[in-house]
Each structure stands twice: as structure tokens, then as C-alpha cells.
N, C-alpha and C. Protein backbone atom coordinates (compact mmCIF):
# COMPACT_ATOMS: atom_id res chain seq x y z
N MET A 1 1.87 112.43 120.49
CA MET A 1 3.08 111.65 120.68
C MET A 1 3.53 111.80 122.12
N SER A 2 3.95 110.72 122.71
CA SER A 2 4.43 110.73 124.08
C SER A 2 5.84 111.31 124.16
N ASP A 3 6.15 111.95 125.27
CA ASP A 3 7.49 112.49 125.48
C ASP A 3 8.43 111.47 126.11
N CYS A 4 8.00 110.23 126.20
CA CYS A 4 8.82 109.20 126.83
C CYS A 4 9.92 108.73 125.88
N TYR A 5 11.09 108.52 126.44
CA TYR A 5 12.22 108.01 125.67
C TYR A 5 13.23 107.43 126.65
N GLU A 6 14.16 106.65 126.11
CA GLU A 6 15.24 106.14 126.95
C GLU A 6 16.51 106.01 126.11
N TYR A 7 17.64 106.36 126.73
CA TYR A 7 18.93 106.23 126.07
C TYR A 7 19.33 104.78 126.03
N VAL A 8 19.94 104.37 124.91
CA VAL A 8 20.35 102.99 124.70
C VAL A 8 21.85 102.96 124.46
N PRO A 9 22.60 102.07 125.14
CA PRO A 9 24.03 101.97 124.86
C PRO A 9 24.27 101.44 123.44
N HIS A 10 25.37 101.86 122.82
CA HIS A 10 25.69 101.41 121.47
C HIS A 10 27.21 101.35 121.32
N ARG A 11 27.71 100.35 120.63
CA ARG A 11 29.17 100.15 120.50
C ARG A 11 29.86 101.25 119.71
N LEU A 12 29.13 102.00 118.89
CA LEU A 12 29.74 103.04 118.07
C LEU A 12 29.53 104.45 118.63
N LEU A 13 29.03 104.55 119.83
CA LEU A 13 28.76 105.85 120.45
C LEU A 13 30.03 106.70 120.48
N HIS A 14 29.92 107.94 120.03
CA HIS A 14 31.01 108.93 119.97
C HIS A 14 32.09 108.57 118.94
N ARG A 15 31.78 107.71 118.00
CA ARG A 15 32.72 107.37 116.92
C ARG A 15 32.17 107.87 115.60
N ARG A 16 33.05 107.92 114.57
CA ARG A 16 32.62 108.34 113.22
C ARG A 16 31.81 107.21 112.60
N VAL A 17 30.64 107.58 112.07
CA VAL A 17 29.74 106.62 111.45
C VAL A 17 29.19 107.20 110.15
N ARG A 18 28.55 106.34 109.39
CA ARG A 18 27.89 106.75 108.15
C ARG A 18 26.44 106.28 108.21
N ASP A 19 25.53 107.16 107.79
CA ASP A 19 24.13 106.79 107.61
C ASP A 19 24.02 106.18 106.22
N ILE A 20 23.76 104.88 106.14
CA ILE A 20 23.75 104.23 104.84
C ILE A 20 22.58 104.70 103.98
N ALA A 21 21.53 105.23 104.60
CA ALA A 21 20.38 105.72 103.82
C ALA A 21 20.72 106.98 103.04
N SER A 22 21.49 107.88 103.65
CA SER A 22 21.81 109.16 103.00
C SER A 22 23.27 109.26 102.56
N GLY A 23 24.14 108.42 103.12
CA GLY A 23 25.57 108.50 102.81
C GLY A 23 26.31 109.55 103.62
N VAL A 24 25.60 110.26 104.51
CA VAL A 24 26.22 111.33 105.30
C VAL A 24 27.01 110.71 106.46
N GLU A 25 28.21 111.27 106.69
CA GLU A 25 29.06 110.82 107.79
C GLU A 25 29.03 111.83 108.92
N GLY A 26 29.27 111.33 110.11
CA GLY A 26 29.33 112.20 111.28
C GLY A 26 29.67 111.39 112.52
N ARG A 27 29.45 111.99 113.67
CA ARG A 27 29.76 111.34 114.94
C ARG A 27 28.44 110.91 115.60
N LEU A 28 28.37 109.65 116.03
CA LEU A 28 27.18 109.14 116.69
C LEU A 28 27.11 109.72 118.10
N MET A 29 26.12 110.56 118.34
CA MET A 29 26.01 111.27 119.62
C MET A 29 25.14 110.52 120.63
N ALA A 30 24.11 109.82 120.16
CA ALA A 30 23.21 109.10 121.07
C ALA A 30 22.36 108.13 120.27
N VAL A 31 21.91 107.09 120.97
CA VAL A 31 20.88 106.21 120.44
C VAL A 31 19.75 106.25 121.47
N ILE A 32 18.56 106.57 121.01
CA ILE A 32 17.43 106.76 121.91
C ILE A 32 16.25 105.94 121.42
N ASN A 33 15.65 105.20 122.33
CA ASN A 33 14.42 104.46 122.05
C ASN A 33 13.27 105.44 122.24
N GLU A 34 12.61 105.81 121.14
CA GLU A 34 11.58 106.86 121.18
C GLU A 34 10.25 106.35 120.67
N ASN A 35 9.20 106.92 121.19
CA ASN A 35 7.86 106.68 120.68
C ASN A 35 7.69 107.60 119.47
N VAL A 36 7.64 107.04 118.27
CA VAL A 36 7.57 107.83 117.05
C VAL A 36 6.15 107.90 116.48
N SER A 37 5.18 107.43 117.24
CA SER A 37 3.80 107.43 116.77
C SER A 37 3.20 108.82 116.84
N ASP A 38 2.39 109.14 115.85
CA ASP A 38 1.62 110.39 115.89
C ASP A 38 0.13 110.08 116.07
N ARG A 39 -0.17 108.86 116.44
CA ARG A 39 -1.55 108.42 116.67
C ARG A 39 -1.65 107.86 118.08
N GLY A 40 -2.77 107.29 118.42
CA GLY A 40 -3.01 106.78 119.76
C GLY A 40 -2.20 105.55 120.13
N VAL A 41 -1.82 104.74 119.15
CA VAL A 41 -1.08 103.52 119.41
C VAL A 41 0.42 103.83 119.42
N GLU A 42 1.10 103.43 120.50
CA GLU A 42 2.53 103.71 120.60
C GLU A 42 3.32 102.87 119.61
N ARG A 43 4.33 103.46 119.03
CA ARG A 43 5.25 102.77 118.13
C ARG A 43 6.65 103.20 118.52
N TRP A 44 7.43 102.29 119.09
CA TRP A 44 8.76 102.59 119.61
C TRP A 44 9.82 102.20 118.58
N MET A 45 10.85 103.01 118.49
CA MET A 45 11.91 102.79 117.52
C MET A 45 13.22 103.32 118.08
N GLU A 46 14.31 102.61 117.82
CA GLU A 46 15.63 103.10 118.22
C GLU A 46 16.15 104.03 117.14
N LEU A 47 16.36 105.29 117.50
CA LEU A 47 16.86 106.30 116.58
C LEU A 47 18.29 106.67 116.93
N ALA A 48 19.12 106.78 115.91
CA ALA A 48 20.51 107.22 116.08
C ALA A 48 20.57 108.71 115.79
N TYR A 49 21.21 109.45 116.69
CA TYR A 49 21.43 110.89 116.50
C TYR A 49 22.87 111.07 116.06
N ILE A 50 23.05 111.59 114.84
CA ILE A 50 24.38 111.77 114.25
C ILE A 50 24.63 113.25 114.04
N ARG A 51 25.80 113.73 114.46
CA ARG A 51 26.20 115.13 114.25
C ARG A 51 27.14 115.17 113.05
N ASN A 52 26.74 115.90 112.00
CA ASN A 52 27.56 115.97 110.79
C ASN A 52 28.68 117.01 110.93
N ALA A 53 29.46 117.19 109.88
CA ALA A 53 30.63 118.08 109.93
C ALA A 53 30.26 119.53 110.20
N SER A 54 29.06 119.95 109.83
CA SER A 54 28.65 121.34 110.06
C SER A 54 28.08 121.55 111.46
N GLY A 55 27.98 120.49 112.24
CA GLY A 55 27.49 120.60 113.60
C GLY A 55 26.01 120.33 113.76
N LEU A 56 25.31 120.10 112.66
CA LEU A 56 23.88 119.80 112.73
C LEU A 56 23.66 118.33 113.03
N GLU A 57 22.67 118.03 113.85
CA GLU A 57 22.35 116.64 114.16
C GLU A 57 21.12 116.21 113.38
N PHE A 58 21.12 114.96 112.97
CA PHE A 58 19.97 114.39 112.30
C PHE A 58 19.75 112.99 112.84
N THR A 59 18.57 112.45 112.60
CA THR A 59 18.27 111.11 113.09
C THR A 59 18.12 110.15 111.92
N THR A 60 18.38 108.90 112.23
CA THR A 60 18.16 107.81 111.29
C THR A 60 17.90 106.56 112.11
N ALA A 61 17.37 105.54 111.48
CA ALA A 61 17.17 104.27 112.17
C ALA A 61 18.54 103.71 112.58
N VAL A 62 18.61 103.15 113.76
CA VAL A 62 19.90 102.66 114.25
C VAL A 62 20.46 101.57 113.34
N ASP A 63 19.60 100.85 112.63
CA ASP A 63 20.06 99.81 111.70
C ASP A 63 20.75 100.40 110.47
N ASN A 64 20.61 101.71 110.23
CA ASN A 64 21.25 102.38 109.09
C ASN A 64 22.65 102.89 109.41
N VAL A 65 23.14 102.65 110.63
CA VAL A 65 24.43 103.20 111.05
C VAL A 65 25.52 102.16 110.86
N GLU A 66 26.61 102.58 110.19
CA GLU A 66 27.77 101.71 110.04
C GLU A 66 29.03 102.51 110.37
N PRO A 67 30.06 101.83 110.88
CA PRO A 67 31.29 102.56 111.21
C PRO A 67 32.00 103.04 109.95
N VAL A 68 32.67 104.18 110.07
CA VAL A 68 33.49 104.70 108.97
C VAL A 68 34.88 104.11 109.15
N PRO A 69 35.42 103.41 108.14
CA PRO A 69 36.76 102.84 108.29
C PRO A 69 37.79 103.94 108.52
N ASP A 70 38.78 103.64 109.34
CA ASP A 70 39.86 104.59 109.58
C ASP A 70 40.60 104.86 108.29
N GLN A 71 40.92 106.14 108.05
CA GLN A 71 41.68 106.53 106.88
C GLN A 71 43.16 106.27 107.14
N PRO A 72 43.88 105.74 106.16
CA PRO A 72 45.32 105.54 106.37
C PRO A 72 46.01 106.88 106.55
N ARG A 73 46.94 106.94 107.47
CA ARG A 73 47.68 108.17 107.71
C ARG A 73 48.93 108.19 106.86
N THR A 74 49.12 109.30 106.17
CA THR A 74 50.31 109.46 105.35
C THR A 74 51.09 110.66 105.87
N VAL A 75 52.38 110.61 105.68
CA VAL A 75 53.24 111.71 106.11
C VAL A 75 53.50 112.57 104.89
N GLY A 76 53.11 113.85 104.96
CA GLY A 76 53.29 114.76 103.84
C GLY A 76 54.76 114.99 103.53
N GLY A 77 55.08 115.06 102.24
CA GLY A 77 56.44 115.36 101.83
C GLY A 77 57.37 114.16 101.80
N ARG A 78 56.92 113.00 102.22
CA ARG A 78 57.78 111.82 102.20
C ARG A 78 57.33 110.90 101.08
N ARG A 79 58.24 110.26 100.45
CA ARG A 79 57.87 109.30 99.43
C ARG A 79 58.63 108.01 99.67
N ASP A 80 58.21 106.99 99.00
CA ASP A 80 58.84 105.69 99.14
C ASP A 80 60.28 105.77 98.68
N GLN A 81 61.21 105.40 99.54
CA GLN A 81 62.63 105.50 99.23
C GLN A 81 63.03 104.57 98.07
N ARG A 82 62.30 103.50 97.86
CA ARG A 82 62.62 102.57 96.78
C ARG A 82 62.38 103.20 95.41
N SER A 83 61.48 104.21 95.34
CA SER A 83 61.18 104.80 94.03
C SER A 83 62.12 105.95 93.68
N ALA A 84 63.01 106.31 94.60
CA ALA A 84 63.92 107.45 94.36
C ALA A 84 65.08 107.08 93.50
């Protein structure tokens, strides 16, 4: 396998994402175009590097990456005044 690779810009870089193949969420650290062939013929693929909550990074196909919707923020200890 060749050691050649190149970084690719991505709109979700450094944001929370989900790998749809595994369901694991984390932060997209990089997208890299890598030669993934283990034979003589080169095979290039864009891989997404995602860092999960435990700090470990894993790769997945960049097409498997989707943004994680923002969670609604709630204020603890407050309730709707209409229900009081």
C-alpha cells in the first residue's frame, strides 16, 4: 500500500457527526483521500476520521457521515409557567 494521501476539506469538519454504518457519534477530525489498496493496483477512497467520546478515532467512508442534530437546551429546575 502506498503512503500517499491528501487532506480534503469537508463542511462538517470539527463538528459532531454520526457514522450511519455503526451509529457511533463523535467529532469529525479529518477527511483524507487515501490509497486503500493492498495489491498492486491503486484504489483511492475518501475516509472520514471520527473521534468518539472516549477519545478513540475510527474511520468510515465519507458517505457514511451525517451531522448530529443540535439537542434542545433546557434550563434545569424551570417548568412551564402555564402548567403551575
